[in-house]
């Protein structure tokens, strides 16, 4: 079926045959909660080789789905499409492609959806996205683009039989004036047709639980849609601080003190101690989230397998295959 860039869709729309994320989560069997992992487009050949080592490790461990991120301002657009397509075509994994509105016209966004459809990808995570250069800088709508993720949700849904997810923010989005405002706009995205949300990474499970409560109080029908918590097993304090800075989030003070103590006072952080604490924390968070009824656990991997595999093993979420074959970090 050929994409028509003028009309923005094929004559009959795209019909998909892959399962939705909601269906995949619901169909998970046994007593184990499903898990999923997030990858990023590789920057060079060495990074691509590392990504595929992680992909093959996780393929053996059986995630419900995997997601592929999308650079600010479309900086990784071509690699995102290519690698996500290869995941769909060359593995048994169910990929979710990220799509952001920033710096793109509606025509470009429709073309991106068409490119995903041509690779057999029907699960798309819609994000408004961060400005290129300075993620915390002023967000400017493309003159021929969309202003809000809610509009992008509707656009993707109108283009065919796609399954759409959105982002949610346990601490509230850093651009939202308060949590009530943030909740309102999350619900608006769900009402527009999003089937689930994946949270931004967080380090206090109470923030996730309060998010669920806020959505439930605002709209019980939309609260029935899965809110999937995102966990990052910390292996470098310097790296996680940078990621938090770019996202407008922060470590809870008590936890930051624990990581500071683990890192030590030298010019180089004690990576082994930081990693040990990070694995312990991710495990503790996973245990609490499972006990509180989270529908799935989504892990940021940074294209490494070992840390996440260790956490999954501790939580009893992996088969008895060799976690030890995962590469470092």
Foldseek 3Di string as FASTA:
>chain_A
DDADLVVLAPPVFFDADDDELQVLLVPDDDDFFAAEEEEEQADDDVLVVLLVLQVVLVLQFDHSAYEYEADALRPCVVSQLVVQLCCLVPGPHQYEYEDEFANDASSVSSVSLVSNVVSRHQHYEYENGAHPPQRPDDGDGDPRTDDGSLVVLLSSVVRHRHAYEYEAELCAQLVDPDVLRRLVRVVSSVVSPHQEYEYDAAQDVVSVVVSLVSNCVVPVVSSVRAYEYEYEQDQDPVVVVVVCVSRVHDHDPVVVVVLDVQQDDDPGGPRVSNNVVSLVSRLVSVVVCVVVPHSYYYYYAHSFNQSVLSSCVVVVSGPPDDSVVTDDD
